[in-house]
Amino acid sequence: LKAGGVAGVCVDLILFPLDTVKTRLQSPQGFRKAGGFRGIYAGVPSTAIGSFPNAAAFFITYENVKSLLPHGSSSYLSPATHMVAASLGEVVACLIRVPSEVIKQRAQVSPSSSTLRILSHTLYHEGIQGLYRGYKSTVLREIPFSLVQFPLWESLKDLWSWKQGHVVDSWQSAVCGAFAGGFAAAVTTPLDVAKTRIMLAKAGSSNASGNVLAALGGIWRTQGLSGLFAGVVPRMAAISLGGFIFLGTYEKSRQLLL
């Protein structure tokens, strides 16, 4: 819990400006109208509050599920074990992540409004379900992301450990995490764009229903391939750096605590 929480807080706060740029590039009104480079830390209180419990929930689930499933001696089962553990970790973590992300993204595209005002406005007009708008799309983004990132991260660590004859250091784990995260970020960007559009959609609009395929279809019809991959560069940069900091910090914290 502590290792995952510390890792989550470090990466979310350090890389917040890149996340804001990505959200504004993906927003329906476009980068400039969403705020451009102004108020680059808009929405940071929501992230600061949600980051520790979100990351802790993921790693508690990930490590416990991984320990319950067959792995180790049967190397061919290891990727499947990591995929299942990471997927279940994301489903649990999204219960905390989604409300935080809804408020954060709405603040990022409305830098003149405070986080508290956006929270109260969302609760007044949409209720609790408004905070969970985009839960399905977030899970549908995070599970494919984890299916790519975590088996790749674990495989790269195993390969590096085998090559050098001992377990990887925390910085080596971080390098593996950066590569795995950047690759996973690139291939799942369309799902991230759909998730952003759903969270930012006005109540009652077609995107507010949370239909991921409909959101993807709408983006394809109006903006084509470039729309589906809007924000791919800052997303890859943030998640590559995030993978380096997040997974490296997690390994180091875990070593120190255990």
C-alpha atoms as a PDB file:
ATOM      1  CA  LEU A   1       0.000   0.000   0.000  1.00  0.00           C
ATOM      2  CA  LYS A   2       2.746   2.470   0.972  1.00  0.00           C
ATOM      3  CA  ALA A   3       4.996   1.642  -1.995  1.00  0.00           C
ATOM      4  CA  GLY A   4       2.163   1.946  -4.500  1.00  0.00           C
ATOM      5  CA  GLY A   5       0.855   5.144  -2.919  1.00  0.00           C
ATOM      6  CA  VAL A   6       4.236   6.878  -2.854  1.00  0.00           C
ATOM      7  CA  ALA A   7       4.862   5.903  -6.491  1.00  0.00           C
ATOM      8  CA  GLY A   8       1.450   7.223  -7.567  1.00  0.00           C
ATOM      9  CA  VAL A   9       1.807  10.600  -5.857  1.00  0.00           C
ATOM     10  CA  CYS A  10       5.318  11.129  -7.294  1.00  0.00           C
ATOM     11  CA  VAL A  11       4.377  10.432 -10.896  1.00  0.00           C
ATOM     12  CA  ASP A  12       1.000  12.216 -10.920  1.00  0.00           C
ATOM     13  CA  LEU A  13       2.252  15.480  -9.466  1.00  0.00           C
ATOM     14  CA  ILE A  14       5.541  15.624 -11.407  1.00  0.00           C
ATOM     15  CA  LEU A  15       3.931  14.952 -14.789  1.00  0.00           C
ATOM     16  CA  PHE A  16       0.675  16.861 -14.288  1.00  0.00           C
ATOM     17  CA  PRO A  17       1.457  19.612 -16.875  1.00  0.00           C
ATOM     18  CA  LEU A  18       1.906  16.998 -19.642  1.00  0.00           C
ATOM     19  CA  ASP A  19      -1.421  15.447 -18.678  1.00  0.00           C
ATOM     20  CA  THR A  20      -3.128  18.840 -18.913  1.00  0.00           C
ATOM     21  CA  VAL A  21      -1.703  19.435 -22.416  1.00  0.00           C
ATOM     22  CA  LYS A  22      -2.905  15.977 -23.501  1.00  0.00           C
ATOM     23  CA  THR A  23      -6.433  16.540 -22.129  1.00  0.00           C
ATOM     24  CA  ARG A  24      -6.737  19.903 -23.886  1.00  0.00           C
ATOM     25  CA  LEU A  25      -5.533  18.434 -27.185  1.00  0.00           C
ATOM     26  CA  GLN A  26      -8.212  15.738 -26.879  1.00  0.00           C
ATOM     27  CA  SER A  27     -11.050  18.037 -25.780  1.00  0.00           C
ATOM     28  CA  PRO A  28     -13.890  18.727 -28.258  1.00  0.00           C
ATOM     29  CA  GLN A  29     -13.308  22.514 -28.214  1.00  0.00           C
ATOM     30  CA  GLY A  30      -9.640  22.148 -29.147  1.00  0.00           C
ATOM     31  CA  PHE A  31      -6.362  23.038 -27.412  1.00  0.00           C
ATOM     32  CA  ARG A  32      -6.573  26.861 -27.491  1.00  0.00           C
ATOM     33  CA  LYS A  33     -10.203  27.185 -26.390  1.00  0.00           C
ATOM     34  CA  ALA A  34      -9.631  24.633 -23.619  1.00  0.00           C
ATOM     35  CA  GLY A  35      -6.975  26.911 -22.100  1.00  0.00           C
ATOM     36  CA  GLY A  36      -3.796  26.389 -24.154  1.00  0.00           C
ATOM     37  CA  PHE A  37      -0.800  26.609 -21.857  1.00  0.00           C
ATOM     38  CA  ARG A  38      -2.629  28.749 -19.259  1.00  0.00           C
ATOM     39  CA  GLY A  39      -3.478  27.310 -15.841  1.00  0.00           C
ATOM     40  CA  ILE A  40      -1.391  24.215 -16.512  1.00  0.00           C
ATOM     41  CA  TYR A  41      -1.949  22.949 -12.939  1.00  0.00           C
ATOM     42  CA  ALA A  42      -5.748  23.336 -13.043  1.00  0.00           C
ATOM     43  CA  GLY A  43      -7.307  20.276 -11.400  1.00  0.00           C
ATOM     44  CA  VAL A  44      -4.214  19.298  -9.425  1.00  0.00           C
ATOM     45  CA  PRO A  45      -6.070  19.134  -6.036  1.00  0.00           C
ATOM     46  CA  SER A  46      -8.265  16.326  -7.398  1.00  0.00           C
ATOM     47  CA  THR A  47      -5.173  14.394  -8.490  1.00  0.00           C
ATOM     48  CA  ALA A  48      -3.359  15.044  -5.209  1.00  0.00           C
ATOM     49  CA  ILE A  49      -6.286  13.634  -3.195  1.00  0.00           C
ATOM     50  CA  GLY A  50      -6.960  10.612  -5.416  1.00  0.00           C
ATOM     51  CA  SER A  51      -3.413   9.626  -6.332  1.00  0.00           C
ATOM     52  CA  PHE A  52      -2.286   7.759  -3.190  1.00  0.00           C
ATOM     53  CA  PRO A  53      -5.399   5.577  -2.642  1.00  0.00           C
ATOM     54  CA  ASN A  54      -5.712   4.923  -6.392  1.00  0.00           C
ATOM     55  CA  ALA A  55      -2.148   3.645  -6.823  1.00  0.00           C
ATOM     56  CA  ALA A  56      -2.241   1.783  -3.504  1.00  0.00           C
ATOM     57  CA  ALA A  57      -5.487   0.012  -4.472  1.00  0.00           C
ATOM     58  CA  PHE A  58      -3.975  -1.053  -7.796  1.00  0.00           C
ATOM     59  CA  PHE A  59      -0.782  -2.527  -6.361  1.00  0.00           C
ATOM     60  CA  ILE A  60      -2.486  -4.229  -3.407  1.00  0.00           C
ATOM     61  CA  THR A  61      -4.791  -5.997  -5.871  1.00  0.00           C
ATOM     62  CA  TYR A  62      -2.013  -6.646  -8.424  1.00  0.00           C
ATOM     63  CA  GLU A  63       0.418  -8.222  -5.938  1.00  0.00           C
ATOM     64  CA  ASN A  64      -2.220 -10.276  -4.114  1.00  0.00           C
ATOM     65  CA  VAL A  65      -3.818 -11.660  -7.277  1.00  0.00           C
ATOM     66  CA  LYS A  66      -0.357 -12.388  -8.701  1.00  0.00           C
ATOM     67  CA  SER A  67       0.535 -14.376  -5.552  1.00  0.00           C
ATOM     68  CA  LEU A  68      -2.682 -16.417  -5.795  1.00  0.00           C
ATOM     69  CA  LEU A  69      -2.276 -17.348  -9.466  1.00  0.00           C
ATOM     70  CA  PRO A  70       0.279 -19.869 -10.841  1.00  0.00           C
ATOM     71  CA  HIS A  71       3.571 -18.258 -11.887  1.00  0.00           C
ATOM     72  CA  GLY A  72       7.302 -18.666 -11.535  1.00  0.00           C
ATOM     73  CA  SER A  73       8.296 -22.189 -12.558  1.00  0.00           C
ATOM     74  CA  SER A  74       5.766 -22.318 -15.420  1.00  0.00           C
ATOM     75  CA  SER A  75       7.201 -19.462 -17.482  1.00  0.00           C
ATOM     76  CA  TYR A  76       4.507 -19.746 -20.142  1.00  0.00           C
ATOM     77  CA  LEU A  77       1.871 -18.922 -17.489  1.00  0.00           C
ATOM     78  CA  SER A  78       3.655 -15.787 -16.229  1.00  0.00           C
ATOM     79  CA  PRO A  79       2.336 -13.361 -18.896  1.00  0.00           C
ATOM     80  CA  ALA A  80      -1.244 -14.581 -18.331  1.00  0.00           C
ATOM     81  CA  THR A  81      -0.809 -14.213 -14.563  1.00  0.00           C
ATOM     82  CA  HIS A  82       0.465 -10.635 -14.948  1.00  0.00           C
ATOM     83  CA  MET A  83      -2.359  -9.792 -17.367  1.00  0.00           C
ATOM     84  CA  VAL A  84      -5.100 -11.071 -15.042  1.00  0.00           C
ATOM     85  CA  ALA A  85      -3.546  -9.438 -11.966  1.00  0.00           C
ATOM     86  CA  ALA A  86      -3.104  -6.080 -13.729  1.00  0.00           C
ATOM     87  CA  SER A  87      -6.644  -6.156 -15.172  1.00  0.00           C
ATOM     88  CA  LEU A  88      -8.248  -6.838 -11.783  1.00  0.00           C
ATOM     89  CA  GLY A  89      -6.000  -4.167 -10.261  1.00  0.00           C
ATOM     90  CA  GLU A  90      -7.322  -1.622 -12.768  1.00  0.00           C
ATOM     91  CA  VAL A  91     -10.977  -2.534 -12.159  1.00  0.00           C
ATOM     92  CA  VAL A  92     -10.519  -1.908  -8.408  1.00  0.00           C
ATOM     93  CA  ALA A  93      -8.343   1.211  -8.807  1.00  0.00           C
ATOM     94  CA  CYS A  94     -10.829   2.808 -11.236  1.00  0.00           C
ATOM     95  CA  LEU A  95     -13.405   2.967  -8.423  1.00  0.00           C
ATOM     96  CA  ILE A  96     -11.146   5.661  -6.945  1.00  0.00           C
ATOM     97  CA  ARG A  97      -9.529   6.965 -10.137  1.00  0.00           C
ATOM     98  CA  VAL A  98     -12.638   7.799 -12.167  1.00  0.00           C
ATOM     99  CA  PRO A  99     -14.245  10.418  -9.840  1.00  0.00           C
ATOM    100  CA  SER A 100     -10.821  12.039  -9.418  1.00  0.00           C
ATOM    101  CA  GLU A 101     -10.243  12.016 -13.185  1.00  0.00           C
ATOM    102  CA  VAL A 102     -13.687  13.408 -14.053  1.00  0.00           C
ATOM    103  CA  ILE A 103     -13.124  16.451 -11.815  1.00  0.00           C
ATOM    104  CA  LYS A 104      -9.491  16.817 -12.897  1.00  0.00           C
ATOM    105  CA  GLN A 105     -10.264  16.777 -16.635  1.00  0.00           C
ATOM    106  CA  ARG A 106     -13.162  19.202 -16.313  1.00  0.00           C
ATOM    107  CA  ALA A 107     -10.901  21.562 -14.357  1.00  0.00           C
ATOM    108  CA  GLN A 108      -8.152  21.187 -16.964  1.00  0.00           C
ATOM    109  CA  VAL A 109     -10.421  22.466 -19.759  1.00  0.00           C
ATOM    110  CA  SER A 110     -11.983  25.174 -17.521  1.00  0.00           C
ATOM    111  CA  PRO A 111      -8.921  26.704 -15.811  1.00  0.00           C
ATOM    112  CA  SER A 112     -10.969  29.671 -14.529  1.00  0.00           C
ATOM    113  CA  SER A 113     -13.136  27.358 -12.368  1.00  0.00           C
ATOM    114  CA  SER A 114     -11.878  25.896  -9.107  1.00  0.00           C
ATOM    115  CA  THR A 115     -11.805  22.165  -8.405  1.00  0.00           C
ATOM    116  CA  LEU A 116     -14.338  22.592  -5.582  1.00  0.00           C
ATOM    117  CA  ARG A 117     -16.748  24.524  -7.833  1.00  0.00           C
ATOM    118  CA  ILE A 118     -16.548  21.836 -10.540  1.00  0.00           C
ATOM    119  CA  LEU A 119     -17.136  19.102  -7.936  1.00  0.00           C
ATOM    120  CA  SER A 120     -20.218  20.847  -6.504  1.00  0.00           C
ATOM    121  CA  HIS A 121     -21.551  21.624 -10.012  1.00  0.00           C
ATOM    122  CA  THR A 122     -21.165  17.973 -11.059  1.00  0.00           C
ATOM    123  CA  LEU A 123     -22.873  16.659  -7.921  1.00  0.00           C
ATOM    124  CA  TYR A 124     -25.721  19.197  -8.190  1.00  0.00           C
ATOM    125  CA  HIS A 125     -26.499  18.555 -11.860  1.00  0.00           C
ATOM    126  CA  GLU A 126     -25.585  14.867 -12.262  1.00  0.00           C
ATOM    127  CA  GLY A 127     -25.369  13.383  -8.775  1.00  0.00           C
ATOM    128  CA  ILE A 128     -22.920  10.660  -7.760  1.00  0.00           C
ATOM    129  CA  GLN A 129     -23.332   8.939 -11.130  1.00  0.00           C
ATOM    130  CA  GLY A 130     -21.840  12.058 -12.718  1.00  0.00           C
ATOM    131  CA  LEU A 131     -18.586  11.353 -10.886  1.00  0.00           C
ATOM    132  CA  TYR A 132     -18.565   7.871 -12.402  1.00  0.00           C
ATOM    133  CA  ARG A 133     -19.291   9.006 -15.948  1.00  0.00           C
ATOM    134  CA  GLY A 134     -16.660   7.276 -18.038  1.00  0.00           C
ATOM    135  CA  TYR A 135     -16.062   4.365 -15.628  1.00  0.00           C
ATOM    136  CA  LYS A 136     -16.653   1.791 -18.386  1.00  0.00           C
ATOM    137  CA  SER A 137     -14.527   3.716 -20.896  1.00  0.00           C
ATOM    138  CA  THR A 138     -11.730   4.114 -18.336  1.00  0.00           C
ATOM    139  CA  VAL A 139     -11.727   0.387 -17.544  1.00  0.00           C
ATOM    140  CA  LEU A 140     -11.847  -0.381 -21.288  1.00  0.00           C
ATOM    141  CA  ARG A 141      -8.793   1.842 -21.710  1.00  0.00           C
ATOM    142  CA  GLU A 142      -6.872   0.623 -18.670  1.00  0.00           C
ATOM    143  CA  ILE A 143      -7.298  -3.130 -19.171  1.00  0.00           C
ATOM    144  CA  PRO A 144      -5.774  -3.207 -22.712  1.00  0.00           C
ATOM    145  CA  PHE A 145      -3.094  -0.811 -21.449  1.00  0.00           C
ATOM    146  CA  SER A 146      -2.247  -3.141 -18.557  1.00  0.00           C
ATOM    147  CA  LEU A 147      -2.407  -6.219 -20.805  1.00  0.00           C
ATOM    148  CA  VAL A 148       0.405  -4.645 -22.828  1.00  0.00           C
ATOM    149  CA  GLN A 149       2.377  -2.772 -20.144  1.00  0.00           C
ATOM    150  CA  PHE A 150       2.719  -5.196 -17.237  1.00  0.00           C
ATOM    151  CA  PRO A 151       3.628  -8.432 -19.065  1.00  0.00           C
ATOM    152  CA  LEU A 152       6.106  -6.394 -21.162  1.00  0.00           C
ATOM    153  CA  TRP A 153       7.563  -4.774 -18.018  1.00  0.00           C
ATOM    154  CA  GLU A 154       7.924  -8.113 -16.219  1.00  0.00           C
ATOM    155  CA  SER A 155       9.403  -9.788 -19.344  1.00  0.00           C
ATOM    156  CA  LEU A 156      11.955  -7.001 -19.861  1.00  0.00           C
ATOM    157  CA  LYS A 157      12.985  -7.228 -16.188  1.00  0.00           C
ATOM    158  CA  ASP A 158      13.369 -11.017 -16.454  1.00  0.00           C
ATOM    159  CA  LEU A 159      15.419 -10.684 -19.654  1.00  0.00           C
ATOM    160  CA  TRP A 160      17.692  -8.021 -18.142  1.00  0.00           C
ATOM    161  CA  SER A 161      18.106 -10.075 -14.927  1.00  0.00           C
ATOM    162  CA  TRP A 162      19.044 -13.153 -16.995  1.00  0.00           C
ATOM    163  CA  LYS A 163      21.541 -11.186 -19.092  1.00  0.00           C
ATOM    164  CA  GLN A 164      23.392  -9.713 -16.104  1.00  0.00           C
ATOM    165  CA  GLY A 165      23.061 -12.734 -13.817  1.00  0.00           C
ATOM    166  CA  HIS A 166      21.234 -11.004 -10.941  1.00  0.00           C
ATOM    167  CA  VAL A 167      17.928  -9.291 -10.190  1.00  0.00           C
ATOM    168  CA  VAL A 168      17.508  -5.870 -11.792  1.00  0.00           C
ATOM    169  CA  ASP A 169      18.152  -2.733  -9.742  1.00  0.00           C
ATOM    170  CA  SER A 170      15.335  -0.223  -9.211  1.00  0.00           C
ATOM    171  CA  TRP A 171      16.701   2.105 -11.939  1.00  0.00           C
ATOM    172  CA  GLN A 172      16.799  -0.802 -14.404  1.00  0.00           C
ATOM    173  CA  SER A 173      13.217  -1.683 -13.483  1.00  0.00           C
ATOM    174  CA  ALA A 174      12.347   1.968 -14.142  1.00  0.00           C
ATOM    175  CA  VAL A 175      13.905   1.867 -17.638  1.00  0.00           C
ATOM    176  CA  CYS A 176      11.883  -1.258 -18.441  1.00  0.00           C
ATOM    177  CA  GLY A 177       8.789   0.508 -17.123  1.00  0.00           C
ATOM    178  CA  ALA A 178       9.416   3.556 -19.326  1.00  0.00           C
ATOM    179  CA  PHE A 179       9.668   1.448 -22.484  1.00  0.00           C
ATOM    180  CA  ALA A 180       6.649  -0.702 -21.601  1.00  0.00           C
ATOM    181  CA  GLY A 181       4.545   2.324 -20.642  1.00  0.00           C
ATOM    182  CA  GLY A 182       5.379   4.324 -23.771  1.00  0.00           C
ATOM    183  CA  PHE A 183       4.516   1.433 -26.087  1.00  0.00           C
ATOM    184  CA  ALA A 184       1.253   0.690 -24.253  1.00  0.00           C
ATOM    185  CA  ALA A 185       0.338   4.405 -24.287  1.00  0.00           C
ATOM    186  CA  ALA A 186       0.721   4.655 -28.066  1.00  0.00           C
ATOM    187  CA  VAL A 187      -1.497   1.686 -28.920  1.00  0.00           C
ATOM    188  CA  THR A 188      -4.284   2.649 -26.476  1.00  0.00           C
ATOM    189  CA  THR A 189      -4.492   6.378 -27.342  1.00  0.00           C
ATOM    190  CA  PRO A 190      -7.821   6.092 -29.269  1.00  0.00           C
ATOM    191  CA  LEU A 191      -9.450   4.597 -26.159  1.00  0.00           C
ATOM    192  CA  ASP A 192      -8.000   7.443 -24.088  1.00  0.00           C
ATOM    193  CA  VAL A 193      -9.447  10.047 -26.502  1.00  0.00           C
ATOM    194  CA  ALA A 194     -12.885   8.371 -26.290  1.00  0.00           C
ATOM    195  CA  LYS A 195     -12.671   8.356 -22.483  1.00  0.00           C
ATOM    196  CA  THR A 196     -11.800  12.078 -22.421  1.00  0.00           C
ATOM    197  CA  ARG A 197     -14.709  12.983 -24.740  1.00  0.00           C
ATOM    198  CA  ILE A 198     -17.151  10.979 -22.586  1.00  0.00           C
ATOM    199  CA  MET A 199     -15.973  12.623 -19.342  1.00  0.00           C
ATOM    200  CA  LEU A 200     -16.110  16.134 -20.834  1.00  0.00           C
ATOM    201  CA  ALA A 201     -19.431  15.720 -22.684  1.00  0.00           C
ATOM    202  CA  LYS A 202     -22.354  17.889 -21.623  1.00  0.00           C
ATOM    203  CA  ALA A 203     -25.059  16.085 -19.656  1.00  0.00           C
ATOM    204  CA  GLY A 204     -27.686  14.709 -22.019  1.00  0.00           C
ATOM    205  CA  SER A 205     -25.429  14.633 -25.088  1.00  0.00           C
ATOM    206  CA  SER A 206     -24.753  11.417 -27.030  1.00  0.00           C
ATOM    207  CA  ASN A 207     -21.235  11.033 -25.620  1.00  0.00           C
ATOM    208  CA  ALA A 208     -22.540  11.437 -22.045  1.00  0.00           C
ATOM    209  CA  SER A 209     -24.167   8.000 -22.362  1.00  0.00           C
ATOM    210  CA  GLY A 210     -20.711   6.451 -22.107  1.00  0.00           C
ATOM    211  CA  ASN A 211     -20.845   4.417 -25.327  1.00  0.00           C
ATOM    212  CA  VAL A 212     -17.171   3.965 -26.262  1.00  0.00           C
ATOM    213  CA  LEU A 213     -17.807   2.653 -29.797  1.00  0.00           C
ATOM    214  CA  ALA A 214     -20.155   5.559 -30.550  1.00  0.00           C
ATOM    215  CA  ALA A 215     -17.562   8.040 -29.252  1.00  0.00           C
ATOM    216  CA  LEU A 216     -14.820   6.437 -31.367  1.00  0.00           C
ATOM    217  CA  GLY A 217     -17.116   6.470 -34.424  1.00  0.00           C
ATOM    218  CA  GLY A 218     -17.946  10.141 -33.925  1.00  0.00           C
ATOM    219  CA  ILE A 219     -14.269  11.080 -33.647  1.00  0.00           C
ATOM    220  CA  TRP A 220     -13.423   9.046 -36.761  1.00  0.00           C
ATOM    221  CA  ARG A 221     -16.201  10.694 -38.808  1.00  0.00           C
ATOM    222  CA  THR A 222     -15.331  14.258 -37.813  1.00  0.00           C
ATOM    223  CA  GLN A 223     -11.538  14.164 -37.383  1.00  0.00           C
ATOM    224  CA  GLY A 224     -10.304  10.909 -38.869  1.00  0.00           C
ATOM    225  CA  LEU A 225      -7.157   9.120 -37.728  1.00  0.00           C
ATOM    226  CA  SER A 226      -5.553  12.319 -36.388  1.00  0.00           C
ATOM    227  CA  GLY A 227      -8.527  12.765 -34.045  1.00  0.00           C
ATOM    228  CA  LEU A 228      -8.244   9.212 -32.709  1.00  0.00           C
ATOM    229  CA  PHE A 229      -4.562   9.800 -31.918  1.00  0.00           C
ATOM    230  CA  ALA A 230      -4.941  13.350 -30.563  1.00  0.00           C
ATOM    231  CA  GLY A 231      -2.469  13.954 -27.755  1.00  0.00           C
ATOM    232  CA  VAL A 232      -0.454  10.806 -28.518  1.00  0.00           C
ATOM    233  CA  VAL A 233       2.922  12.569 -28.115  1.00  0.00           C
ATOM    234  CA  PRO A 234       2.304  14.107 -24.650  1.00  0.00           C
ATOM    235  CA  ARG A 235       0.535  10.868 -23.607  1.00  0.00           C
ATOM    236  CA  MET A 236       3.539   8.751 -24.631  1.00  0.00           C
ATOM    237  CA  ALA A 237       5.965  11.219 -23.048  1.00  0.00           C
ATOM    238  CA  ALA A 238       3.996  11.397 -19.800  1.00  0.00           C
ATOM    239  CA  ILE A 239       3.512   7.635 -19.519  1.00  0.00           C
ATOM    240  CA  SER A 240       7.103   6.796 -20.507  1.00  0.00           C
ATOM    241  CA  LEU A 241       8.416   9.196 -17.874  1.00  0.00           C
ATOM    242  CA  GLY A 242       5.600   8.056 -15.614  1.00  0.00           C
ATOM    243  CA  GLY A 243       6.543   4.400 -16.097  1.00  0.00           C
ATOM    244  CA  PHE A 244      10.148   5.268 -15.215  1.00  0.00           C
ATOM    245  CA  ILE A 245       9.184   7.192 -12.064  1.00  0.00           C
ATOM    246  CA  PHE A 246       6.138   5.101 -11.050  1.00  0.00           C
ATOM    247  CA  LEU A 247       7.518   1.584 -11.445  1.00  0.00           C
ATOM    248  CA  GLY A 248      11.042   2.587 -10.373  1.00  0.00           C
ATOM    249  CA  THR A 249       9.756   4.357  -7.249  1.00  0.00           C
ATOM    250  CA  TYR A 250       7.455   1.417  -6.509  1.00  0.00           C
ATOM    251  CA  GLU A 251      10.338  -1.083  -6.695  1.00  0.00           C
ATOM    252  CA  LYS A 252      12.643   1.133  -4.588  1.00  0.00           C
ATOM    253  CA  SER A 253       9.954   1.862  -1.966  1.00  0.00           C
ATOM    254  CA  ARG A 254       9.051  -1.816  -1.818  1.00  0.00           C
ATOM    255  CA  GLN A 255      12.708  -2.815  -1.314  1.00  0.00           C
ATOM    256  CA  LEU A 256      13.131  -0.239   1.473  1.00  0.00           C
ATOM    257  CA  LEU A 257       9.878  -1.188   3.218  1.00  0.00           C
ATOM    258  CA  LEU A 258      10.335  -4.958   2.964  1.00  0.00           C
END
